[in-house]
Each structure stands twice: as structure tokens, then as C-alpha cells.
Amino acid sequence: MPLIHECVVTTLSAEGRPHIAPLGLIEDGAHWIAAPFRPSTTLFNLEHGKKFTASFTDDPRIFAGLVTGVRSLPLTDIEGWPAPRLSVALAHAELEIDRVEEDETRPRFFCRVRHTESHRPFLGMNRARSAVLEAAILATRLNRLSREKIDSELDYLSIAIEKTAGEAEREAWEMVMEKIRAHFDKT
């Protein structure tokens, strides 16, 4: 299995408006690969632009917010680069698309990392943050996975929340759980 960097990407619309979304970038030798599902704004923007930014954060509320509909997070311009980064990013990478492999479900954009930069220190791992990230990913696949699979995964992930979560992790977990509950209440 490849290494996947879970991050927040900033792509640009044809008019130059930034769009932020969570995305796992696949590290593949000299390239990082973006493979968003069809249809999505991120995919549309990547098809129409060659440059985007990946922001790396350890704040689980950012991922939880993005998968539950928050789209207005503070951004910071990058000198000499069109796509801004998250203002709260620990680090960012500037990516330029070299080539595309078309696919009906998930085209693959092979990107060269032009530049990376750190902005704040990373203070270590936390199991609850990882659990929130996994739950947020599940929340983006509610129509692709069975209810049993989602419930089973959440039961396991909740152990890390119970044992290691701080206030930020508990807040993020509840945001994601609310989205999942609302989805299943409708079905």
C-alpha cells in the first residue's frame, strides 16, 4: 500500500476563487497523486488548473468541519504561488500537475512537489486525532459503505476517543457523528 498524506487542498476555480477540501495525496516516488472522486469541485478545478496547494494540519476540527460543510477557513497567500494555504497549517506543499491518468470514477493527477515549507511545530501523535480523521473519511463514504461496516468502524474508533481525546478531538468527533447520525436518520 502507498503512503497517503491526509491534508487539505486548495484548488482554484476558473475565476481564481480558492476552494478547500480534504484529500489524501498518494506518495508515489517523485510524484504525489491527487485522485478525487467524480463529481467534485476539487476534480473540476484540477482539470482546469495546473497548480494547487496541500496544507497539513493536526487540528481534527478542520477535517470534521470540511466533511460537515464548513468551507470558510482563513487562508494565507503564498508569495509567487496562485493557490493559498490554510492559515493554521503546520506546513504546506505547492504542487504542479505533470500528467493525468483518466478514470471514470477517480482520475489520477500526478504532481511534482515544487516547494514545501513549515510554519509551526508538530507536537506529536494522538490516537483520538487519527480516529476523528478515520471517522471523517467514513462520513464522506456513507453512500458507498454498508451501515454495518460504518457502525463497526465507529465502535472501534470510539475507543481512542474515550481514552485519548482532548476538547478539540471530542468537538470534532461530535461534528462527524452528527453528520453520520443525520444521514442514517434519513434512510
N, C-alpha and C. Protein backbone atom coordinates (compact mmCIF):
# COMPACT_ATOMS: atom_id res chain seq x y z
N MET A 1 0.84 -1.19 0.00
CA MET A 1 0.00 0.00 0.00
C MET A 1 0.88 1.25 0.00
N PRO A 2 0.44 2.28 -0.70
CA PRO A 2 1.23 3.51 -0.76
C PRO A 2 1.04 4.36 0.49
N LEU A 3 1.97 5.27 0.68
CA LEU A 3 1.85 6.27 1.75
C LEU A 3 0.87 7.34 1.29
N ILE A 4 -0.10 7.65 2.14
CA ILE A 4 -1.09 8.68 1.82
C ILE A 4 -0.97 9.81 2.83
N HIS A 5 -0.81 11.02 2.34
CA HIS A 5 -0.73 12.22 3.17
C HIS A 5 -2.12 12.83 3.26
N GLU A 6 -2.76 12.73 4.42
CA GLU A 6 -4.08 13.34 4.61
C GLU A 6 -3.87 14.83 4.83
N CYS A 7 -4.53 15.63 4.00
CA CYS A 7 -4.30 17.07 4.05
C CYS A 7 -5.54 17.81 3.59
N VAL A 8 -5.42 19.11 3.49
CA VAL A 8 -6.47 19.97 2.94
C VAL A 8 -5.88 20.63 1.70
N VAL A 9 -6.53 20.41 0.56
CA VAL A 9 -6.02 21.01 -0.67
C VAL A 9 -6.80 22.28 -1.00
N THR A 10 -6.06 23.24 -1.54
CA THR A 10 -6.66 24.46 -2.06
C THR A 10 -6.47 24.45 -3.56
N THR A 11 -7.59 24.33 -4.28
CA THR A 11 -7.58 24.43 -5.73
C THR A 11 -8.23 25.77 -6.09
N LEU A 12 -8.10 26.15 -7.35
CA LEU A 12 -8.66 27.43 -7.79
C LEU A 12 -9.69 27.21 -8.89
N SER A 13 -10.80 27.94 -8.80
CA SER A 13 -11.81 27.92 -9.86
C SER A 13 -11.24 28.62 -11.09
N ALA A 14 -11.95 28.54 -12.19
CA ALA A 14 -11.53 29.23 -13.42
C ALA A 14 -11.41 30.73 -13.19
N GLU A 15 -12.20 31.25 -12.24
CA GLU A 15 -12.16 32.68 -11.92
C GLU A 15 -11.10 33.01 -10.88
N GLY A 16 -10.38 31.99 -10.40
CA GLY A 16 -9.32 32.21 -9.42
C GLY A 16 -9.78 32.17 -7.97
N ARG A 17 -11.02 31.75 -7.71
CA ARG A 17 -11.52 31.65 -6.33
C ARG A 17 -11.01 30.36 -5.69
N PRO A 18 -10.47 30.44 -4.47
CA PRO A 18 -9.98 29.23 -3.80
C PRO A 18 -11.11 28.34 -3.32
N HIS A 19 -10.88 27.05 -3.43
CA HIS A 19 -11.80 26.02 -2.92
C HIS A 19 -10.97 25.08 -2.06
N ILE A 20 -11.41 24.84 -0.82
CA ILE A 20 -10.67 23.94 0.07
C ILE A 20 -11.46 22.66 0.29
N ALA A 21 -10.73 21.55 0.38
CA ALA A 21 -11.36 20.25 0.59
C ALA A 21 -10.33 19.30 1.18
N PRO A 22 -10.79 18.36 2.00
CA PRO A 22 -9.87 17.33 2.49
C PRO A 22 -9.56 16.35 1.37
N LEU A 23 -8.32 15.88 1.33
CA LEU A 23 -7.94 14.92 0.29
C LEU A 23 -6.69 14.19 0.74
N GLY A 24 -6.63 12.91 0.47
CA GLY A 24 -5.43 12.13 0.72
C GLY A 24 -4.57 12.14 -0.54
N LEU A 25 -3.34 12.63 -0.43
CA LEU A 25 -2.41 12.63 -1.56
C LEU A 25 -1.52 11.41 -1.45
N ILE A 26 -1.43 10.66 -2.53
CA ILE A 26 -0.68 9.40 -2.57
C ILE A 26 0.76 9.69 -2.97
N GLU A 27 1.71 9.29 -2.14
CA GLU A 27 3.12 9.47 -2.48
C GLU A 27 3.56 8.30 -3.35
N ASP A 28 4.08 8.61 -4.53
CA ASP A 28 4.50 7.59 -5.48
C ASP A 28 5.82 8.01 -6.11
N GLY A 29 6.92 7.65 -5.46
CA GLY A 29 8.23 8.04 -5.96
C GLY A 29 8.38 9.55 -5.98
N ALA A 30 8.69 10.07 -7.16
CA ALA A 30 8.90 11.51 -7.31
C ALA A 30 7.59 12.29 -7.37
N HIS A 31 6.48 11.60 -7.48
CA HIS A 31 5.19 12.27 -7.62
C HIS A 31 4.30 12.07 -6.40
N TRP A 32 3.41 13.03 -6.20
CA TRP A 32 2.28 12.87 -5.30
C TRP A 32 1.06 12.85 -6.21
N ILE A 33 0.12 11.96 -5.92
CA ILE A 33 -1.04 11.77 -6.77
C ILE A 33 -2.30 12.24 -6.05
N ALA A 34 -3.05 13.11 -6.73
CA ALA A 34 -4.38 13.51 -6.26
C ALA A 34 -5.39 12.70 -7.06
N ALA A 35 -6.33 12.05 -6.36
CA ALA A 35 -7.32 11.21 -7.03
C ALA A 35 -8.71 11.46 -6.45
N PRO A 36 -9.28 12.64 -6.69
CA PRO A 36 -10.62 12.92 -6.16
C PRO A 36 -11.69 12.15 -6.92
N PHE A 37 -12.78 11.82 -6.22
CA PHE A 37 -13.90 11.12 -6.84
C PHE A 37 -14.68 12.07 -7.74
N ARG A 38 -15.29 11.50 -8.78
CA ARG A 38 -16.25 12.24 -9.62
C ARG A 38 -17.60 12.21 -8.95
N PRO A 39 -18.43 13.17 -9.05
CA PRO A 39 -18.11 14.54 -9.39
C PRO A 39 -17.66 15.29 -8.14
N SER A 40 -16.83 16.29 -8.31
CA SER A 40 -16.43 17.14 -7.19
C SER A 40 -15.85 18.45 -7.72
N THR A 41 -15.96 19.48 -6.90
CA THR A 41 -15.39 20.77 -7.26
C THR A 41 -13.87 20.66 -7.35
N THR A 42 -13.27 19.90 -6.44
CA THR A 42 -11.81 19.71 -6.47
C THR A 42 -11.39 19.11 -7.81
N LEU A 43 -12.10 18.08 -8.25
CA LEU A 43 -11.78 17.44 -9.53
C LEU A 43 -11.92 18.44 -10.68
N PHE A 44 -13.02 19.16 -10.72
CA PHE A 44 -13.23 20.16 -11.77
C PHE A 44 -12.08 21.17 -11.80
N ASN A 45 -11.71 21.68 -10.62
CA ASN A 45 -10.63 22.67 -10.57
C ASN A 45 -9.30 22.08 -11.01
N LEU A 46 -9.00 20.84 -10.62
CA LEU A 46 -7.74 20.22 -11.06
C LEU A 46 -7.73 20.00 -12.57
N GLU A 47 -8.88 19.71 -13.14
CA GLU A 47 -8.96 19.52 -14.60
C GLU A 47 -8.72 20.82 -15.35
N HIS A 48 -8.92 21.95 -14.68
CA HIS A 48 -8.81 23.25 -15.34
C HIS A 48 -7.66 24.12 -14.84
N GLY A 49 -6.84 23.59 -13.97
CA GLY A 49 -5.70 24.34 -13.46
C GLY A 49 -4.55 23.38 -13.19
N LYS A 50 -3.35 23.87 -13.24
CA LYS A 50 -2.17 23.00 -13.08
C LYS A 50 -1.53 23.10 -11.70
N LYS A 51 -1.93 24.08 -10.89
CA LYS A 51 -1.26 24.32 -9.61
C LYS A 51 -2.26 24.32 -8.46
N PHE A 52 -1.85 23.71 -7.35
CA PHE A 52 -2.68 23.73 -6.14
C PHE A 52 -1.78 23.58 -4.93
N THR A 53 -2.37 23.74 -3.75
CA THR A 53 -1.60 23.71 -2.51
C THR A 53 -2.18 22.66 -1.57
N ALA A 54 -1.30 21.94 -0.90
CA ALA A 54 -1.69 21.00 0.16
C ALA A 54 -1.27 21.61 1.49
N SER A 55 -2.23 21.73 2.41
CA SER A 55 -1.94 22.22 3.76
C SER A 55 -2.03 21.06 4.73
N PHE A 56 -1.06 21.00 5.63
CA PHE A 56 -1.00 19.92 6.61
C PHE A 56 -1.32 20.49 7.99
N THR A 57 -2.28 19.87 8.66
CA THR A 57 -2.73 20.34 9.96
C THR A 57 -2.93 19.16 10.90
N ASP A 58 -2.81 19.42 12.18
CA ASP A 58 -3.11 18.38 13.18
C ASP A 58 -4.38 18.72 13.95
N ASP A 59 -5.13 19.72 13.50
CA ASP A 59 -6.37 20.11 14.16
C ASP A 59 -7.52 19.28 13.59
N PRO A 60 -8.06 18.34 14.36
CA PRO A 60 -9.11 17.47 13.83
C PRO A 60 -10.39 18.21 13.49
N ARG A 61 -10.59 19.41 14.08
CA ARG A 61 -11.80 20.18 13.79
C ARG A 61 -11.82 20.67 12.34
N ILE A 62 -10.65 20.81 11.74
CA ILE A 62 -10.60 21.25 10.34
C ILE A 62 -11.19 20.16 9.44
N PHE A 63 -10.72 18.92 9.61
CA PHE A 63 -11.25 17.82 8.79
C PHE A 63 -12.73 17.59 9.08
N ALA A 64 -13.10 17.60 10.36
CA ALA A 64 -14.50 17.41 10.74
C ALA A 64 -15.37 18.52 10.14
N GLY A 65 -14.90 19.75 10.21
CA GLY A 65 -15.65 20.86 9.65
C GLY A 65 -15.82 20.74 8.15
N LEU A 66 -14.76 20.38 7.45
CA LEU A 66 -14.84 20.29 6.00
C LEU A 66 -15.80 19.19 5.55
N VAL A 67 -15.81 18.04 6.21
CA VAL A 67 -16.72 16.97 5.78
C VAL A 67 -18.16 17.23 6.23
N THR A 68 -18.35 18.19 7.13
CA THR A 68 -19.71 18.53 7.55
C THR A 68 -20.20 19.84 6.96
N GLY A 69 -19.45 20.42 6.04
CA GLY A 69 -19.95 21.58 5.30
C GLY A 69 -19.29 22.91 5.55
N VAL A 70 -18.32 22.99 6.46
CA VAL A 70 -17.61 24.26 6.68
C VAL A 70 -16.68 24.50 5.48
N ARG A 71 -16.81 25.62 4.84
CA ARG A 71 -15.96 25.91 3.67
C ARG A 71 -15.22 27.24 3.78
N SER A 72 -15.39 27.95 4.88
CA SER A 72 -14.74 29.25 5.00
C SER A 72 -13.74 29.22 6.16
N LEU A 73 -12.55 28.79 5.85
CA LEU A 73 -11.45 28.81 6.81
C LEU A 73 -10.46 29.88 6.37
N PRO A 74 -9.78 30.52 7.31
CA PRO A 74 -8.82 31.56 6.92
C PRO A 74 -7.68 30.99 6.07
N LEU A 75 -7.38 31.73 5.00
CA LEU A 75 -6.30 31.35 4.08
C LEU A 75 -5.23 32.43 4.07
N THR A 76 -4.01 31.99 3.75
CA THR A 76 -2.87 32.89 3.65
C THR A 76 -2.26 32.76 2.26
N ASP A 77 -2.05 33.89 1.60
CA ASP A 77 -1.42 33.87 0.29
C ASP A 77 0.03 33.38 0.39
N ILE A 78 0.49 32.77 -0.68
CA ILE A 78 1.86 32.28 -0.78
C ILE A 78 2.57 33.10 -1.85
N GLU A 79 3.65 33.70 -1.49
CA GLU A 79 4.37 34.56 -2.44
C GLU A 79 4.79 33.76 -3.67
N GLY A 80 4.41 34.24 -4.85
CA GLY A 80 4.81 33.61 -6.11
C GLY A 80 4.06 32.34 -6.45
N TRP A 81 2.95 32.06 -5.74
CA TRP A 81 2.17 30.84 -5.99
C TRP A 81 0.69 31.21 -5.97
N PRO A 82 -0.12 30.68 -6.91
CA PRO A 82 -1.50 31.15 -7.03
C PRO A 82 -2.47 30.65 -5.95
N ALA A 83 -2.28 29.43 -5.45
CA ALA A 83 -3.25 28.84 -4.51
C ALA A 83 -2.80 29.05 -3.07
N PRO A 84 -3.62 29.70 -2.24
CA PRO A 84 -3.23 29.95 -0.86
C PRO A 84 -3.22 28.68 -0.01
N ARG A 85 -2.68 28.80 1.20
CA ARG A 85 -2.65 27.69 2.16
C ARG A 85 -3.58 28.03 3.31
N LEU A 86 -3.90 27.01 4.11
CA LEU A 86 -4.63 27.27 5.35
C LEU A 86 -3.76 28.13 6.25
N SER A 87 -4.33 29.13 6.85
CA SER A 87 -3.55 30.00 7.75
C SER A 87 -3.03 29.23 8.95
N VAL A 88 -3.77 28.22 9.41
CA VAL A 88 -3.36 27.44 10.59
C VAL A 88 -2.50 26.23 10.24
N ALA A 89 -2.06 26.11 9.00
CA ALA A 89 -1.29 24.94 8.57
C ALA A 89 0.02 24.83 9.34
N LEU A 90 0.36 23.60 9.70
CA LEU A 90 1.69 23.34 10.26
C LEU A 90 2.74 23.46 9.17
N ALA A 91 2.36 23.05 7.96
CA ALA A 91 3.25 23.10 6.80
C ALA A 91 2.37 23.09 5.55
N HIS A 92 2.97 23.41 4.42
CA HIS A 92 2.25 23.30 3.16
C HIS A 92 3.20 22.82 2.07
N ALA A 93 2.60 22.29 1.00
CA ALA A 93 3.35 21.88 -0.19
C ALA A 93 2.68 22.50 -1.40
N GLU A 94 3.49 23.00 -2.31
CA GLU A 94 2.99 23.57 -3.56
C GLU A 94 3.15 22.49 -4.62
N LEU A 95 2.05 22.14 -5.29
CA LEU A 95 2.04 21.03 -6.23
C LEU A 95 1.65 21.49 -7.63
N GLU A 96 2.34 20.92 -8.62
CA GLU A 96 2.05 21.23 -10.02
C GLU A 96 1.80 19.92 -10.76
N ILE A 97 0.70 19.87 -11.50
CA ILE A 97 0.30 18.65 -12.20
C ILE A 97 1.20 18.44 -13.41
N ASP A 98 1.82 17.24 -13.47
CA ASP A 98 2.65 16.85 -14.61
C ASP A 98 1.85 16.09 -15.67
N ARG A 99 0.98 15.18 -15.20
CA ARG A 99 0.19 14.38 -16.14
C ARG A 99 -1.05 13.84 -15.43
N VAL A 100 -1.99 13.38 -16.27
CA VAL A 100 -3.26 12.86 -15.75
C VAL A 100 -3.53 11.50 -16.34
N GLU A 101 -3.95 10.57 -15.50
CA GLU A 101 -4.46 9.27 -15.96
C GLU A 101 -5.97 9.31 -15.79
N GLU A 102 -6.70 9.28 -16.90
CA GLU A 102 -8.16 9.38 -16.84
C GLU A 102 -8.75 8.11 -16.25
N ASP A 103 -9.89 8.28 -15.58
CA ASP A 103 -10.63 7.17 -15.00
C ASP A 103 -12.07 7.64 -14.81
N GLU A 104 -13.04 6.73 -15.01
CA GLU A 104 -14.45 7.10 -14.88
C GLU A 104 -14.82 7.53 -13.48
N THR A 105 -14.16 6.94 -12.47
CA THR A 105 -14.52 7.22 -11.07
C THR A 105 -13.56 8.18 -10.39
N ARG A 106 -12.24 7.90 -10.54
CA ARG A 106 -11.21 8.70 -9.85
C ARG A 106 -10.00 8.90 -10.76
N PRO A 107 -10.00 9.95 -11.57
CA PRO A 107 -8.79 10.23 -12.35
C PRO A 107 -7.62 10.50 -11.42
N ARG A 108 -6.42 10.22 -11.89
CA ARG A 108 -5.22 10.39 -11.07
C ARG A 108 -4.36 11.51 -11.66
N PHE A 109 -4.12 12.52 -10.83
CA PHE A 109 -3.31 13.67 -11.22
C PHE A 109 -1.93 13.49 -10.60
N PHE A 110 -0.93 13.23 -11.43
CA PHE A 110 0.45 13.04 -10.96
C PHE A 110 1.10 14.41 -10.84
N CYS A 111 1.55 14.73 -9.64
CA CYS A 111 2.03 16.07 -9.35
C CYS A 111 3.48 16.07 -8.88
N ARG A 112 4.15 17.11 -9.25
CA ARG A 112 5.51 17.37 -8.77
C ARG A 112 5.40 18.34 -7.60
N VAL A 113 6.13 18.04 -6.53
CA VAL A 113 6.16 18.95 -5.39
C VAL A 113 7.18 20.04 -5.70
N ARG A 114 6.70 21.25 -5.87
CA ARG A 114 7.57 22.37 -6.22
C ARG A 114 8.31 22.90 -5.00
N HIS A 115 7.61 22.95 -3.85
CA HIS A 115 8.20 23.54 -2.65
C HIS A 115 7.39 23.10 -1.44
N THR A 116 8.06 22.86 -0.33
CA THR A 116 7.38 22.64 0.95
C THR A 116 7.93 23.64 1.96
N GLU A 117 7.08 23.98 2.93
CA GLU A 117 7.51 24.93 3.95
C GLU A 117 6.78 24.64 5.26
N SER A 118 7.52 24.72 6.36
CA SER A 118 6.93 24.53 7.69
C SER A 118 6.60 25.89 8.29
N HIS A 119 5.52 25.91 9.08
CA HIS A 119 5.06 27.16 9.68
C HIS A 119 4.97 27.10 11.21
N ARG A 120 4.69 25.91 11.73
CA ARG A 120 4.57 25.72 13.19
C ARG A 120 5.07 24.33 13.52
N PRO A 121 5.44 24.11 14.76
CA PRO A 121 5.95 22.78 15.13
C PRO A 121 4.82 21.75 15.24
N PHE A 122 5.14 20.51 14.93
CA PHE A 122 4.26 19.37 15.14
C PHE A 122 4.63 18.80 16.51
N LEU A 123 3.63 18.66 17.37
CA LEU A 123 3.92 18.27 18.75
C LEU A 123 3.59 16.81 19.06
N GLY A 124 3.50 15.99 18.05
CA GLY A 124 3.35 14.56 18.29
C GLY A 124 2.02 13.98 17.88
N MET A 125 1.97 12.66 17.93
CA MET A 125 0.81 11.89 17.52
C MET A 125 -0.25 11.89 18.62
N ASN A 126 -1.49 11.63 18.21
CA ASN A 126 -2.59 11.47 19.14
C ASN A 126 -3.59 10.51 18.51
N ARG A 127 -3.90 9.43 19.21
CA ARG A 127 -4.81 8.42 18.67
C ARG A 127 -6.20 8.98 18.39
N ALA A 128 -6.68 9.87 19.23
CA ALA A 128 -8.01 10.43 19.03
C ALA A 128 -8.07 11.26 17.75
N ARG A 129 -7.01 11.99 17.44
CA ARG A 129 -7.00 12.77 16.19
C ARG A 129 -7.07 11.84 14.99
N SER A 130 -6.35 10.75 15.06
CA SER A 130 -6.40 9.76 13.98
C SER A 130 -7.79 9.16 13.87
N ALA A 131 -8.43 8.91 15.01
CA ALA A 131 -9.79 8.36 15.00
C ALA A 131 -10.77 9.33 14.35
N VAL A 132 -10.64 10.61 14.66
CA VAL A 132 -11.51 11.62 14.04
C VAL A 132 -11.28 11.63 12.54
N LEU A 133 -10.04 11.58 12.10
CA LEU A 133 -9.73 11.57 10.68
C LEU A 133 -10.39 10.37 10.00
N GLU A 134 -10.26 9.19 10.59
CA GLU A 134 -10.87 7.99 10.02
C GLU A 134 -12.39 8.12 9.98
N ALA A 135 -12.98 8.66 11.03
CA ALA A 135 -14.43 8.85 11.06
C ALA A 135 -14.86 9.86 9.99
N ALA A 136 -14.06 10.91 9.81
CA ALA A 136 -14.37 11.91 8.77
C ALA A 136 -14.34 11.27 7.39
N ILE A 137 -13.38 10.39 7.15
CA ILE A 137 -13.32 9.69 5.87
C ILE A 137 -14.56 8.81 5.70
N LEU A 138 -14.95 8.10 6.76
CA LEU A 138 -16.18 7.30 6.69
C LEU A 138 -17.38 8.18 6.34
N ALA A 139 -17.43 9.38 6.91
CA ALA A 139 -18.55 10.28 6.66
C ALA A 139 -18.63 10.74 5.21
N THR A 140 -17.53 10.66 4.48
CA THR A 140 -17.56 11.00 3.06
C THR A 140 -17.96 9.81 2.20
N ARG A 141 -18.12 8.65 2.81
CA ARG A 141 -18.43 7.43 2.05
C ARG A 141 -19.71 6.76 2.54
N LEU A 142 -20.62 7.53 3.08
CA LEU A 142 -21.85 6.97 3.64
C LEU A 142 -22.71 6.27 2.60
N ASN A 143 -22.63 6.71 1.35
CA ASN A 143 -23.40 6.06 0.28
C ASN A 143 -22.63 4.93 -0.40
N ARG A 144 -21.38 4.72 0.00
CA ARG A 144 -20.56 3.68 -0.62
C ARG A 144 -20.36 2.46 0.29
N LEU A 145 -20.52 2.66 1.60
CA LEU A 145 -20.25 1.59 2.57
C LEU A 145 -21.55 1.17 3.25
N SER A 146 -21.59 -0.07 3.71
CA SER A 146 -22.79 -0.55 4.41
C SER A 146 -22.88 0.07 5.80
N ARG A 147 -24.07 0.11 6.31
CA ARG A 147 -24.31 0.61 7.67
C ARG A 147 -23.52 -0.23 8.68
N GLU A 148 -23.48 -1.53 8.48
CA GLU A 148 -22.77 -2.43 9.39
C GLU A 148 -21.28 -2.12 9.41
N LYS A 149 -20.69 -1.88 8.24
CA LYS A 149 -19.27 -1.55 8.16
C LYS A 149 -18.98 -0.24 8.89
N ILE A 150 -19.80 0.76 8.66
CA ILE A 150 -19.61 2.06 9.31
C ILE A 150 -19.75 1.93 10.82
N ASP A 151 -20.80 1.25 11.28
CA ASP A 151 -21.00 1.07 12.72
C ASP A 151 -19.84 0.33 13.36
N SER A 152 -19.36 -0.70 12.69
CA SER A 152 -18.24 -1.49 13.21
C SER A 152 -16.98 -0.63 13.35
N GLU A 153 -16.68 0.14 12.33
CA GLU A 153 -15.51 1.02 12.35
C GLU A 153 -15.63 2.08 13.46
N LEU A 154 -16.81 2.67 13.56
CA LEU A 154 -17.01 3.72 14.57
C LEU A 154 -16.91 3.16 15.99
N ASP A 155 -17.41 1.95 16.19
CA ASP A 155 -17.28 1.32 17.51
C ASP A 155 -15.82 1.21 17.90
N TYR A 156 -14.98 0.78 16.97
CA TYR A 156 -13.56 0.63 17.26
C TYR A 156 -12.90 2.00 17.46
N LEU A 157 -13.19 2.95 16.58
CA LEU A 157 -12.58 4.28 16.67
C LEU A 157 -12.96 5.01 17.96
N SER A 158 -14.15 4.75 18.47
CA SER A 158 -14.61 5.44 19.67
C SER A 158 -13.74 5.10 20.89
N ILE A 159 -13.05 3.97 20.86
CA ILE A 159 -12.15 3.60 21.96
C ILE A 159 -11.04 4.64 22.09
N ALA A 160 -10.45 5.05 20.97
CA ALA A 160 -9.39 6.07 21.01
C ALA A 160 -9.93 7.40 21.50
N ILE A 161 -11.16 7.73 21.13
CA ILE A 161 -11.77 8.98 21.61
C ILE A 161 -11.93 8.91 23.13
N GLU A 162 -12.47 7.81 23.62
CA GLU A 162 -12.69 7.66 25.06
C GLU A 162 -11.39 7.72 25.85
N LYS A 163 -10.31 7.14 25.31
CA LYS A 163 -9.06 7.03 26.05
C LYS A 163 -8.13 8.22 25.90
N THR A 164 -8.12 8.91 24.75
CA THR A 164 -7.05 9.87 24.49
C THR A 164 -7.50 11.25 24.03
N ALA A 165 -8.80 11.49 23.88
CA ALA A 165 -9.26 12.75 23.30
C ALA A 165 -9.19 13.91 24.27
N GLY A 166 -8.80 15.06 23.73
CA GLY A 166 -8.92 16.33 24.43
C GLY A 166 -10.17 17.03 23.93
N GLU A 167 -10.33 18.28 24.30
CA GLU A 167 -11.52 19.04 23.93
C GLU A 167 -11.68 19.15 22.42
N ALA A 168 -10.61 19.45 21.70
CA ALA A 168 -10.69 19.61 20.24
C ALA A 168 -11.12 18.31 19.56
N GLU A 169 -10.57 17.20 20.02
CA GLU A 169 -10.91 15.91 19.42
C GLU A 169 -12.36 15.53 19.71
N ARG A 170 -12.83 15.81 20.93
CA ARG A 170 -14.23 15.50 21.28
C ARG A 170 -15.20 16.36 20.46
N GLU A 171 -14.84 17.63 20.29
CA GLU A 171 -15.68 18.52 19.48
C GLU A 171 -15.73 18.04 18.03
N ALA A 172 -14.60 17.69 17.47
CA ALA A 172 -14.54 17.21 16.08
C ALA A 172 -15.30 15.89 15.93
N TRP A 173 -15.11 14.98 16.88
CA TRP A 173 -15.80 13.68 16.84
C TRP A 173 -17.32 13.89 16.82
N GLU A 174 -17.80 14.78 17.66
CA GLU A 174 -19.25 15.02 17.72
C GLU A 174 -19.76 15.63 16.42
N MET A 175 -18.98 16.50 15.78
CA MET A 175 -19.39 17.07 14.50
C MET A 175 -19.59 15.96 13.46
N VAL A 176 -18.63 15.04 13.41
CA VAL A 176 -18.71 13.95 12.43
C VAL A 176 -19.86 13.00 12.78
N MET A 177 -20.01 12.68 14.07
CA MET A 177 -21.09 11.77 14.48
C MET A 177 -22.46 12.35 14.16
N GLU A 178 -22.59 13.67 14.32
CA GLU A 178 -23.86 14.33 13.99
C GLU A 178 -24.19 14.16 12.51
N LYS A 179 -23.20 14.32 11.65
CA LYS A 179 -23.42 14.14 10.21
C LYS A 179 -23.82 12.69 9.91
N ILE A 180 -23.14 11.74 10.52
CA ILE A 180 -23.43 10.33 10.25
C ILE A 180 -24.84 9.97 10.77
N ARG A 181 -25.17 10.42 11.97
CA ARG A 181 -26.50 10.15 12.53
C ARG A 181 -27.59 10.75 11.63
N ALA A 182 -27.37 11.98 11.17
CA ALA A 182 -28.37 12.64 10.32
C ALA A 182 -28.57 11.86 9.01
N HIS A 183 -27.49 11.35 8.47
CA HIS A 183 -27.59 10.56 7.23
C HIS A 183 -28.44 9.31 7.45
N PHE A 184 -28.18 8.58 8.53
CA PHE A 184 -28.91 7.34 8.77
C PHE A 184 -30.32 7.58 9.28
N ASP A 185 -30.57 8.74 9.87
CA ASP A 185 -31.94 9.08 10.27
C ASP A 185 -32.83 9.28 9.04
N LYS A 186 -32.23 9.73 7.92
CA LYS A 186 -32.97 9.95 6.67
C LYS A 186 -33.24 8.66 5.92
N THR A 187 -32.40 7.64 6.16
CA THR A 187 -32.53 6.41 5.36
C THR A 187 -33.39 5.37 6.03
